[in-house]
Structures are given as C-alpha cells and as structure tokens.
C-alpha cells in the first residue's frame, strides 16, 4: 500500500538524518558508557554480597546492608539513564521531523 511505502520512506529519511549528526551519536555513546559503568559496578557488588553471605561472618553480613543499598541505588540510576536515553532518542528523531529538508 502507498501508506506502507510512505512510512518506509520516512523511516529511511529519519535514519539518514540522525546518522548524519555526530553529536547525537556521541551523546548516546556517553549514555551507554555510563550505563555499562554502573552495571559493571553492580556485578562487583553482587559478587561481594555473595562472598559475604557465604562467609557467614557477622561483620560481613552487616556490610551487606550497605552493599545492597548501593546496588538498589544503582538499579534506580540505570533505570533513569535508560529513561533519559529513550527520551533523547525519541527527541532526536522528532526534532529531525521538524527541520526543513534539504532536497
């Protein structure tokens, strides 16, 4: 159908417009690096919590409270970063729709 063809052409044009903006991709890259950094920290925290739990040493078990609190905060941070990333991605495409095309 012509509607399907028009949507496909618009998607291709949107992709080309965003591909041409290095600032947008640099911003996405930075966001993904932030997310990965937090996820890497979470991996370390989870391992430490597991080690502390297996040790059954009271001091280590108490330490887990702070580690789990940090982990919980980091999960919230990842959710926020992904939310911002999604919003920025959407904005990048919608802003391109509003820009005059140089055709």
PDB file of N, CA and C in Angstrom:
ATOM      1  N   UNK A   1       0.841  -1.194   0.000  1.00  0.00           N
ATOM      2  CA  UNK A   1       0.000   0.000   0.000  1.00  0.00           C
ATOM      3  C   UNK A   1       0.879   1.247   0.000  1.00  0.00           C
ATOM      4  N   UNK A   2       0.301   2.346  -0.440  1.00  0.00           N
ATOM      5  CA  UNK A   2       1.077   3.590  -0.525  1.00  0.00           C
ATOM      6  C   UNK A   2       1.417   4.121   0.864  1.00  0.00           C
ATOM      7  N   UNK A   3       0.550   3.866   1.846  1.00  0.00           N
ATOM      8  CA  UNK A   3       0.819   4.304   3.219  1.00  0.00           C
ATOM      9  C   UNK A   3       2.047   3.587   3.777  1.00  0.00           C
ATOM     10  N   UNK A   4       2.131   2.288   3.521  1.00  0.00           N
ATOM     11  CA  UNK A   4       3.271   1.492   3.981  1.00  0.00           C
ATOM     12  C   UNK A   4       4.561   1.994   3.329  1.00  0.00           C
ATOM     13  N   UNK A   5       4.479   2.289   2.035  1.00  0.00           N
ATOM     14  CA  UNK A   5       5.643   2.780   1.298  1.00  0.00           C
ATOM     15  C   UNK A   5       6.086   4.142   1.844  1.00  0.00           C
ATOM     16  N   UNK A   6       5.109   5.012   2.138  1.00  0.00           N
ATOM     17  CA  UNK A   6       5.416   6.340   2.665  1.00  0.00           C
ATOM     18  C   UNK A   6       6.083   6.231   4.036  1.00  0.00           C
ATOM     19  N   UNK A   7       5.568   5.350   4.897  1.00  0.00           N
ATOM     20  CA  UNK A   7       6.154   5.148   6.221  1.00  0.00           C
ATOM     21  C   UNK A   7       7.581   4.621   6.114  1.00  0.00           C
ATOM     22  N   UNK A   8       7.798   3.700   5.180  1.00  0.00           N
ATOM     23  CA  UNK A   8       9.129   3.138   4.974  1.00  0.00           C
ATOM     24  C   UNK A   8      10.103   4.227   4.510  1.00  0.00           C
ATOM     25  N   UNK A   9       9.652   5.090   3.601  1.00  0.00           N
ATOM     26  CA  UNK A   9      10.497   6.184   3.120  1.00  0.00           C
ATOM     27  C   UNK A   9      10.807   7.162   4.251  1.00  0.00           C
ATOM     28  N   UNK A  10       9.798   7.461   5.098  1.00  0.00           N
ATOM     29  CA  UNK A  10      10.008   8.382   6.217  1.00  0.00           C
ATOM     30  C   UNK A  10      11.010   7.795   7.208  1.00  0.00           C
ATOM     31  N   UNK A  11      10.895   6.499   7.499  1.00  0.00           N
ATOM     32  CA  UNK A  11      11.826   5.843   8.420  1.00  0.00           C
ATOM     33  C   UNK A  11      13.245   5.903   7.864  1.00  0.00           C
ATOM     34  N   UNK A  12      13.377   5.687   6.558  1.00  0.00           N
ATOM     35  CA  UNK A  12      14.699   5.752   5.928  1.00  0.00           C
ATOM     36  C   UNK A  12      15.264   7.168   6.028  1.00  0.00           C
ATOM     37  N   UNK A  13      14.424   8.162   5.777  1.00  0.00           N
ATOM     38  CA  UNK A  13      14.866   9.563   5.859  1.00  0.00           C
ATOM     39  C   UNK A  13      15.274   9.906   7.290  1.00  0.00           C
ATOM     40  N   UNK A  14      14.467   9.490   8.289  1.00  0.00           N
ATOM     41  CA  UNK A  14      14.793   9.737   9.698  1.00  0.00           C
ATOM     42  C   UNK A  14      16.141   9.128  10.043  1.00  0.00           C
ATOM     43  N   UNK A  15      16.351   7.905   9.602  1.00  0.00           N
ATOM     44  CA  UNK A  15      17.598   7.210   9.885  1.00  0.00           C
ATOM     45  C   UNK A  15      18.783   7.958   9.278  1.00  0.00           C
ATOM     46  N   UNK A  16      18.627   8.424   8.050  1.00  0.00           N
ATOM     47  CA  UNK A  16      19.707   9.160   7.393  1.00  0.00           C
ATOM     48  C   UNK A  16      19.997  10.466   8.120  1.00  0.00           C
ATOM     49  N   UNK A  17      18.942  11.170   8.562  1.00  0.00           N
ATOM     50  CA  UNK A  17      19.121  12.446   9.259  1.00  0.00           C
ATOM     51  C   UNK A  17      19.880  12.254  10.564  1.00  0.00           C
ATOM     52  N   UNK A  18      19.495  11.280  11.356  1.00  0.00           N
ATOM     53  CA  UNK A  18      20.145  11.047  12.645  1.00  0.00           C
ATOM     54  C   UNK A  18      21.556  10.507  12.427  1.00  0.00           C
ATOM     55  N   UNK A  19      21.740   9.663  11.423  1.00  0.00           N
ATOM     56  CA  UNK A  19      23.080   9.145  11.129  1.00  0.00           C
ATOM     57  C   UNK A  19      24.054  10.270  10.850  1.00  0.00           C
ATOM     58  N   UNK A  20      23.556  11.385  10.335  1.00  0.00           N
ATOM     59  CA  UNK A  20      24.421  12.482   9.961  1.00  0.00           C
ATOM     60  C   UNK A  20      24.789  13.414  11.106  1.00  0.00           C
ATOM     61  N   UNK A  21      24.302  13.170  12.307  1.00  0.00           N
ATOM     62  CA  UNK A  21      24.561  14.074  13.428  1.00  0.00           C
ATOM     63  C   UNK A  21      25.470  13.411  14.455  1.00  0.00           C
ATOM     64  N   UNK A  22      26.774  13.690  14.369  1.00  0.00           N
ATOM     65  CA  UNK A  22      27.724  13.046  15.286  1.00  0.00           C
ATOM     66  C   UNK A  22      27.479  13.398  16.753  1.00  0.00           C
ATOM     67  N   UNK A  23      26.917  14.585  17.020  1.00  0.00           N
ATOM     68  CA  UNK A  23      26.633  14.971  18.407  1.00  0.00           C
ATOM     69  C   UNK A  23      25.630  14.023  19.049  1.00  0.00           C
ATOM     70  N   UNK A  24      24.613  13.656  18.284  1.00  0.00           N
ATOM     71  CA  UNK A  24      23.588  12.746  18.807  1.00  0.00           C
ATOM     72  C   UNK A  24      24.223  11.407  19.156  1.00  0.00           C
ATOM     73  N   UNK A  25      25.028  10.878  18.227  1.00  0.00           N
ATOM     74  CA  UNK A  25      25.636   9.572  18.478  1.00  0.00           C
ATOM     75  C   UNK A  25      26.651   9.630  19.611  1.00  0.00           C
ATOM     76  N   UNK A  26      27.356  10.743  19.755  1.00  0.00           N
ATOM     77  CA  UNK A  26      28.304  10.901  20.865  1.00  0.00           C
ATOM     78  C   UNK A  26      27.555  10.907  22.194  1.00  0.00           C
ATOM     79  N   UNK A  27      26.398  11.549  22.205  1.00  0.00           N
ATOM     80  CA  UNK A  27      25.572  11.590  23.415  1.00  0.00           C
ATOM     81  C   UNK A  27      25.079  10.188  23.778  1.00  0.00           C
ATOM     82  N   UNK A  28      24.603   9.446  22.780  1.00  0.00           N
ATOM     83  CA  UNK A  28      24.155   8.072  23.032  1.00  0.00           C
ATOM     84  C   UNK A  28      25.311   7.215  23.535  1.00  0.00           C
ATOM     85  N   UNK A  29      26.459   7.369  22.906  1.00  0.00           N
ATOM     86  CA  UNK A  29      27.641   6.600  23.298  1.00  0.00           C
ATOM     87  C   UNK A  29      28.001   6.880  24.755  1.00  0.00           C
ATOM     88  N   UNK A  30      27.976   8.147  25.141  1.00  0.00           N
ATOM     89  CA  UNK A  30      28.283   8.531  26.521  1.00  0.00           C
ATOM     90  C   UNK A  30      27.273   7.920  27.490  1.00  0.00           C
ATOM     91  N   UNK A  31      26.003   7.948  27.120  1.00  0.00           N
ATOM     92  CA  UNK A  31      24.962   7.372  27.983  1.00  0.00           C
ATOM     93  C   UNK A  31      25.161   5.872  28.157  1.00  0.00           C
ATOM     94  N   UNK A  32      25.449   5.185  27.059  1.00  0.00           N
ATOM     95  CA  UNK A  32      25.667   3.739  27.155  1.00  0.00           C
ATOM     96  C   UNK A  32      26.902   3.416  27.995  1.00  0.00           C
ATOM     97  N   UNK A  33      27.927   4.260  27.898  1.00  0.00           N
ATOM     98  CA  UNK A  33      29.120   4.044  28.726  1.00  0.00           C
ATOM     99  C   UNK A  33      28.797   4.226  30.205  1.00  0.00           C
ATOM    100  N   UNK A  34      27.955   5.218  30.528  1.00  0.00           N
ATOM    101  CA  UNK A  34      27.543   5.422  31.918  1.00  0.00           C
ATOM    102  C   UNK A  34      26.777   4.203  32.425  1.00  0.00           C
ATOM    103  N   UNK A  35      25.840   3.720  31.611  1.00  0.00           N
ATOM    104  CA  UNK A  35      25.059   2.544  31.993  1.00  0.00           C
ATOM    105  C   UNK A  35      25.988   1.362  32.228  1.00  0.00           C
ATOM    106  N   UNK A  36      26.923   1.135  31.301  1.00  0.00           N
ATOM    107  CA  UNK A  36      27.830  -0.010  31.425  1.00  0.00           C
ATOM    108  C   UNK A  36      28.683   0.099  32.676  1.00  0.00           C
ATOM    109  N   UNK A  37      29.110   1.299  33.000  1.00  0.00           N
ATOM    110  CA  UNK A  37      29.911   1.513  34.202  1.00  0.00           C
ATOM    111  C   UNK A  37      29.128   1.124  35.459  1.00  0.00           C
ATOM    112  N   UNK A  38      27.869   1.536  35.523  1.00  0.00           N
ATOM    113  CA  UNK A  38      27.038   1.194  36.684  1.00  0.00           C
ATOM    114  C   UNK A  38      26.786  -0.314  36.725  1.00  0.00           C
ATOM    115  N   UNK A  39      26.522  -0.919  35.571  1.00  0.00           N
ATOM    116  CA  UNK A  39      26.293  -2.369  35.534  1.00  0.00           C
ATOM    117  C   UNK A  39      27.544  -3.137  35.957  1.00  0.00           C
ATOM    118  N   UNK A  40      28.708  -2.657  35.546  1.00  0.00           N
ATOM    119  CA  UNK A  40      29.967  -3.290  35.968  1.00  0.00           C
ATOM    120  C   UNK A  40      30.136  -3.193  37.480  1.00  0.00           C
ATOM    121  N   UNK A  41      29.815  -2.032  38.035  1.00  0.00           N
ATOM    122  CA  UNK A  41      29.890  -1.858  39.494  1.00  0.00           C
ATOM    123  C   UNK A  41      28.907  -2.806  40.179  1.00  0.00           C
ATOM    124  N   UNK A  42      27.712  -2.944  39.626  1.00  0.00           N
ATOM    125  CA  UNK A  42      26.723  -3.853  40.212  1.00  0.00           C
ATOM    126  C   UNK A  42      27.223  -5.293  40.224  1.00  0.00           C
ATOM    127  N   UNK A  43      27.916  -5.688  39.171  1.00  0.00           N
ATOM    128  CA  UNK A  43      28.461  -7.048  39.112  1.00  0.00           C
ATOM    129  C   UNK A  43      29.423  -7.269  40.282  1.00  0.00           C
ATOM    130  N   UNK A  44      30.278  -6.280  40.545  1.00  0.00           N
ATOM    131  CA  UNK A  44      31.232  -6.362  41.659  1.00  0.00           C
ATOM    132  C   UNK A  44      30.479  -6.411  42.992  1.00  0.00           C
ATOM    133  N   UNK A  45      29.471  -5.562  43.140  1.00  0.00           N
ATOM    134  CA  UNK A  45      28.689  -5.534  44.385  1.00  0.00           C
ATOM    135  C   UNK A  45      27.999  -6.871  44.642  1.00  0.00           C
ATOM    136  N   UNK A  46      27.402  -7.435  43.608  1.00  0.00           N
ATOM    137  CA  UNK A  46      26.700  -8.714  43.761  1.00  0.00           C
ATOM    138  C   UNK A  46      27.676  -9.809  44.178  1.00  0.00           C
ATOM    139  N   UNK A  47      28.847  -9.820  43.567  1.00  0.00           N
ATOM    140  CA  UNK A  47      29.855 -10.822  43.939  1.00  0.00           C
ATOM    141  C   UNK A  47      30.273 -10.650  45.396  1.00  0.00           C
ATOM    142  N   UNK A  48      30.466  -9.399  45.813  1.00  0.00           N
ATOM    143  CA  UNK A  48      30.863  -9.130  47.201  1.00  0.00           C
ATOM    144  C   UNK A  48      29.761  -9.552  48.174  1.00  0.00           C
ATOM    145  N   UNK A  49      28.515  -9.248  47.837  1.00  0.00           N
ATOM    146  CA  UNK A  49      27.386  -9.661  48.683  1.00  0.00           C
ATOM    147  C   UNK A  49      27.357 -11.182  48.800  1.00  0.00           C
ATOM    148  N   UNK A  50      27.533 -11.871  47.685  1.00  0.00           N
ATOM    149  CA  UNK A  50      27.539 -13.340  47.711  1.00  0.00           C
ATOM    150  C   UNK A  50      28.684 -13.878  48.567  1.00  0.00           C
ATOM    151  N   UNK A  51      29.871 -13.307  48.383  1.00  0.00           N
ATOM    152  CA  UNK A  51      31.030 -13.746  49.173  1.00  0.00           C
ATOM    153  C   UNK A  51      30.788 -13.519  50.663  1.00  0.00           C
ATOM    154  N   UNK A  52      30.273 -12.336  51.004  1.00  0.00           N
ATOM    155  CA  UNK A  52      29.987 -12.024  52.407  1.00  0.00           C
ATOM    156  C   UNK A  52      28.954 -12.984  52.988  1.00  0.00           C
ATOM    157  N   UNK A  53      27.927 -13.260  52.211  1.00  0.00           N
ATOM    158  CA  UNK A  53      26.861 -14.153  52.681  1.00  0.00           C
ATOM    159  C   UNK A  53      27.406 -15.561  52.929  1.00  0.00           C
ATOM    160  N   UNK A  54      28.212 -16.041  51.998  1.00  0.00           N
ATOM    161  CA  UNK A  54      28.765 -17.390  52.131  1.00  0.00           C
ATOM    162  C   UNK A  54      29.740 -17.499  53.295  1.00  0.00           C
ATOM    163  N   UNK A  55      30.392 -16.392  53.635  1.00  0.00           N
ATOM    164  CA  UNK A  55      31.365 -16.427  54.737  1.00  0.00           C
ATOM    165  C   UNK A  55      30.686 -16.613  56.090  1.00  0.00           C
ATOM    166  N   UNK A  56      29.434 -16.178  56.188  1.00  0.00           N
ATOM    167  CA  UNK A  56      28.647 -16.257  57.429  1.00  0.00           C
ATOM    168  C   UNK A  56      29.301 -15.512  58.601  1.00  0.00           C
ATOM    169  N   UNK A  57      30.248 -14.637  58.307  1.00  0.00           N
ATOM    170  CA  UNK A  57      30.894 -13.819  59.338  1.00  0.00           C
ATOM    171  C   UNK A  57      29.963 -12.635  59.627  1.00  0.00           C
ATOM    172  N   UNK A  58      29.610 -12.434  60.899  1.00  0.00           N
ATOM    173  CA  UNK A  58      28.645 -11.372  61.232  1.00  0.00           C
ATOM    174  C   UNK A  58      28.996  -9.995  60.649  1.00  0.00           C
ATOM    175  N   UNK A  59      30.257  -9.591  60.766  1.00  0.00           N
ATOM    176  CA  UNK A  59      30.660  -8.281  60.228  1.00  0.00           C
ATOM    177  C   UNK A  59      30.378  -8.193  58.720  1.00  0.00           C
ATOM    178  N   UNK A  60      30.664  -9.264  58.000  1.00  0.00           N
ATOM    179  CA  UNK A  60      30.433  -9.285  56.552  1.00  0.00           C
ATOM    180  C   UNK A  60      28.944  -9.214  56.219  1.00  0.00           C
ATOM    181  N   UNK A  61      28.138  -9.879  57.043  1.00  0.00           N
ATOM    182  CA  UNK A  61      26.689  -9.861  56.826  1.00  0.00           C
ATOM    183  C   UNK A  61      26.147  -8.440  57.037  1.00  0.00           C
ATOM    184  N   UNK A  62      26.677  -7.751  58.049  1.00  0.00           N
ATOM    185  CA  UNK A  62      26.265  -6.366  58.301  1.00  0.00           C
ATOM    186  C   UNK A  62      26.698  -5.469  57.132  1.00  0.00           C
ATOM    187  N   UNK A  63      27.884  -5.722  56.611  1.00  0.00           N
ATOM    188  CA  UNK A  63      28.392  -4.949  55.472  1.00  0.00           C
ATOM    189  C   UNK A  63      27.477  -5.084  54.258  1.00  0.00           C
ATOM    190  N   UNK A  64      26.813  -6.229  54.145  1.00  0.00           N
ATOM    191  CA  UNK A  64      25.925  -6.452  53.004  1.00  0.00           C
ATOM    192  C   UNK A  64      24.783  -5.445  52.950  1.00  0.00           C
ATOM    193  N   UNK A  65      24.364  -4.935  54.108  1.00  0.00           N
ATOM    194  CA  UNK A  65      23.272  -3.956  54.117  1.00  0.00           C
ATOM    195  C   UNK A  65      23.652  -2.749  53.253  1.00  0.00           C
ATOM    196  N   UNK A  66      24.832  -2.202  53.483  1.00  0.00           N
ATOM    197  CA  UNK A  66      25.290  -1.039  52.707  1.00  0.00           C
ATOM    198  C   UNK A  66      25.504  -1.403  51.238  1.00  0.00           C
ATOM    199  N   UNK A  67      26.041  -2.598  50.995  1.00  0.00           N
ATOM    200  CA  UNK A  67      26.279  -3.021  49.608  1.00  0.00           C
ATOM    201  C   UNK A  67      24.961  -3.158  48.847  1.00  0.00           C
ATOM    202  N   UNK A  68      23.962  -3.732  49.512  1.00  0.00           N
ATOM    203  CA  UNK A  68      22.657  -3.912  48.869  1.00  0.00           C
ATOM    204  C   UNK A  68      21.976  -2.558  48.663  1.00  0.00           C
ATOM    205  N   UNK A  69      22.162  -1.633  49.595  1.00  0.00           N
ATOM    206  CA  UNK A  69      21.610  -0.285  49.418  1.00  0.00           C
ATOM    207  C   UNK A  69      22.252   0.401  48.211  1.00  0.00           C
ATOM    208  N   UNK A  70      23.561   0.245  48.068  1.00  0.00           N
ATOM    209  CA  UNK A  70      24.241   0.824  46.905  1.00  0.00           C
ATOM    210  C   UNK A  70      23.734   0.182  45.615  1.00  0.00           C
ATOM    211  N   UNK A  71      23.585  -1.130  45.652  1.00  0.00           N
ATOM    212  CA  UNK A  71      23.072  -1.861  44.496  1.00  0.00           C
ATOM    213  C   UNK A  71      21.684  -1.354  44.110  1.00  0.00           C
ATOM    214  N   UNK A  72      20.834  -1.173  45.110  1.00  0.00           N
ATOM    215  CA  UNK A  72      19.482  -0.674  44.863  1.00  0.00           C
ATOM    216  C   UNK A  72      19.521   0.722  44.238  1.00  0.00           C
ATOM    217  N   UNK A  73      20.376   1.590  44.771  1.00  0.00           N
ATOM    218  CA  UNK A  73      20.520   2.927  44.195  1.00  0.00           C
ATOM    219  C   UNK A  73      21.028   2.879  42.767  1.00  0.00           C
ATOM    220  N   UNK A  74      21.944   1.958  42.514  1.00  0.00           N
ATOM    221  CA  UNK A  74      22.489   1.818  41.161  1.00  0.00           C
ATOM    222  C   UNK A  74      21.433   1.337  40.172  1.00  0.00           C
ATOM    223  N   UNK A  75      20.550   0.466  40.629  1.00  0.00           N
ATOM    224  CA  UNK A  75      19.472  -0.005  39.750  1.00  0.00           C
ATOM    225  C   UNK A  75      18.578   1.174  39.372  1.00  0.00           C
ATOM    226  N   UNK A  76      18.271   2.017  40.348  1.00  0.00           N
ATOM    227  CA  UNK A  76      17.480   3.224  40.060  1.00  0.00           C
ATOM    228  C   UNK A  76      18.209   4.131  39.074  1.00  0.00           C
ATOM    229  N   UNK A  77      19.521   4.227  39.230  1.00  0.00           N
ATOM    230  CA  UNK A  77      20.335   5.056  38.336  1.00  0.00           C
ATOM    231  C   UNK A  77      20.275   4.514  36.906  1.00  0.00           C
ATOM    232  N   UNK A  78      20.362   3.190  36.753  1.00  0.00           N
ATOM    233  CA  UNK A  78      20.299   2.583  35.422  1.00  0.00           C
ATOM    234  C   UNK A  78      18.932   2.842  34.788  1.00  0.00           C
ATOM    235  N   UNK A  79      17.871   2.698  35.576  1.00  0.00           N
ATOM    236  CA  UNK A  79      16.522   2.967  35.066  1.00  0.00           C
ATOM    237  C   UNK A  79      16.436   4.414  34.579  1.00  0.00           C
ATOM    238  N   UNK A  80      16.967   5.334  35.362  1.00  0.00           N
ATOM    239  CA  UNK A  80      16.945   6.752  34.995  1.00  0.00           C
ATOM    240  C   UNK A  80      17.763   7.012  33.728  1.00  0.00           C
ATOM    241  N   UNK A  81      18.941   6.408  33.643  1.00  0.00           N
ATOM    242  CA  UNK A  81      19.784   6.588  32.458  1.00  0.00           C
ATOM    243  C   UNK A  81      19.097   6.053  31.203  1.00  0.00           C
ATOM    244  N   UNK A  82      18.471   4.873  31.311  1.00  0.00           N
ATOM    245  CA  UNK A  82      17.757   4.316  30.158  1.00  0.00           C
ATOM    246  C   UNK A  82      16.553   5.173  29.791  1.00  0.00           C
ATOM    247  N   UNK A  83      15.882   5.721  30.791  1.00  0.00           N
ATOM    248  CA  UNK A  83      14.746   6.601  30.535  1.00  0.00           C
ATOM    249  C   UNK A  83      15.203   7.849  29.781  1.00  0.00           C
ATOM    250  N   UNK A  84      16.306   8.447  30.240  1.00  0.00           N
ATOM    251  CA  UNK A  84      16.863   9.619  29.553  1.00  0.00           C
ATOM    252  C   UNK A  84      17.291   9.265  28.134  1.00  0.00           C
ATOM    253  N   UNK A  85      17.902   8.113  27.988  1.00  0.00           N
ATOM    254  CA  UNK A  85      18.360   7.663  26.678  1.00  0.00           C
ATOM    255  C   UNK A  85      17.178   7.511  25.723  1.00  0.00           C
ATOM    256  N   UNK A  86      16.116   6.902  26.208  1.00  0.00           N
ATOM    257  CA  UNK A  86      14.913   6.717  25.400  1.00  0.00           C
ATOM    258  C   UNK A  86      14.318   8.063  24.992  1.00  0.00           C
ATOM    259  N   UNK A  87      14.246   8.967  25.943  1.00  0.00           N
ATOM    260  CA  UNK A  87      13.709  10.298  25.674  1.00  0.00           C
ATOM    261  C   UNK A  87      14.575  11.042  24.659  1.00  0.00           C
ATOM    262  N   UNK A  88      15.892  10.976  24.840  1.00  0.00           N
ATOM    263  CA  UNK A  88      16.811  11.647  23.916  1.00  0.00           C
ATOM    264  C   UNK A  88      16.729  11.055  22.513  1.00  0.00           C
ATOM    265  N   UNK A  89      16.576   9.741  22.452  1.00  0.00           N
ATOM    266  CA  UNK A  89      16.468   9.065  21.162  1.00  0.00           C
ATOM    267  C   UNK A  89      15.205   9.526  20.444  1.00  0.00           C
ATOM    268  N   UNK A  90      14.101   9.541  21.184  1.00  0.00           N
ATOM    269  CA  UNK A  90      12.824   9.976  20.623  1.00  0.00           C
ATOM    270  C   UNK A  90      12.898  11.433  20.174  1.00  0.00           C
ATOM    271  N   UNK A  91      13.479  12.276  21.004  1.00  0.00           N
ATOM    272  CA  UNK A  91      13.616  13.698  20.678  1.00  0.00           C
ATOM    273  C   UNK A  91      14.467  13.892  19.423  1.00  0.00           C
ATOM    274  N   UNK A  92      15.530  13.128  19.299  1.00  0.00           N
ATOM    275  CA  UNK A  92      16.409  13.252  18.131  1.00  0.00           C
ATOM    276  C   UNK A  92      15.635  13.004  16.844  1.00  0.00           C
ATOM    277  N   UNK A  93      14.786  11.991  16.844  1.00  0.00           N
ATOM    278  CA  UNK A  93      14.010  11.687  15.647  1.00  0.00           C
ATOM    279  C   UNK A  93      12.909  12.715  15.424  1.00  0.00           C
ATOM    280  N   UNK A  94      12.233  13.136  16.492  1.00  0.00           N
ATOM    281  CA  UNK A  94      11.150  14.103  16.329  1.00  0.00           C
ATOM    282  C   UNK A  94      11.675  15.473  15.913  1.00  0.00           C
ATOM    283  N   UNK A  95      12.827  15.872  16.419  1.00  0.00           N
ATOM    284  CA  UNK A  95      13.411  17.151  16.013  1.00  0.00           C
ATOM    285  C   UNK A  95      13.760  17.140  14.537  1.00  0.00           C
ATOM    286  N   UNK A  96      14.209  15.993  14.040  1.00  0.00           N
ATOM    287  CA  UNK A  96      14.522  15.890  12.615  1.00  0.00           C
ATOM    288  C   UNK A  96      13.270  16.069  11.771  1.00  0.00           C
ATOM    289  N   UNK A  97      12.116  15.609  12.277  1.00  0.00           N
ATOM    290  CA  UNK A  97      10.858  15.771  11.547  1.00  0.00           C
ATOM    291  C   UNK A  97      10.508  17.244  11.383  1.00  0.00           C
ATOM    292  N   UNK A  98      10.931  18.074  12.338  1.00  0.00           N
ATOM    293  CA  UNK A  98      10.584  19.491  12.322  1.00  0.00           C
ATOM    294  C   UNK A  98      11.567  20.323  11.506  1.00  0.00           C
ATOM    295  N   UNK A  99      12.734  19.771  11.191  1.00  0.00           N
ATOM    296  CA  UNK A  99      13.745  20.510  10.436  1.00  0.00           C
ATOM    297  C   UNK A  99      13.382  20.501   8.951  1.00  0.00           C
ATOM    298  N   UNK A 100      13.600  21.625   8.260  1.00  0.00           N
ATOM    299  CA  UNK A 100      13.364  21.626   6.807  1.00  0.00           C
ATOM    300  C   UNK A 100      14.351  20.688   6.117  1.00  0.00           C
ATOM    301  N   UNK A 101      13.851  19.966   5.143  1.00  0.00           N
ATOM    302  CA  UNK A 101      14.687  19.017   4.405  1.00  0.00           C
ATOM    303  C   UNK A 101      15.418  19.753   3.285  1.00  0.00           C
ATOM    304  N   UNK A 102      16.669  19.404   3.090  1.00  0.00           N
ATOM    305  CA  UNK A 102      17.464  20.000   2.010  1.00  0.00           C
ATOM    306  C   UNK A 102      17.401  19.099   0.794  1.00  0.00           C
ATOM    307  N   UNK A 103      16.250  19.082   0.132  1.00  0.00           N
ATOM    308  CA  UNK A 103      16.081  18.206  -1.025  1.00  0.00           C
ATOM    309  C   UNK A 103      16.056  19.008  -2.291  1.00  0.00           C
TER     310      UNK A 103
END
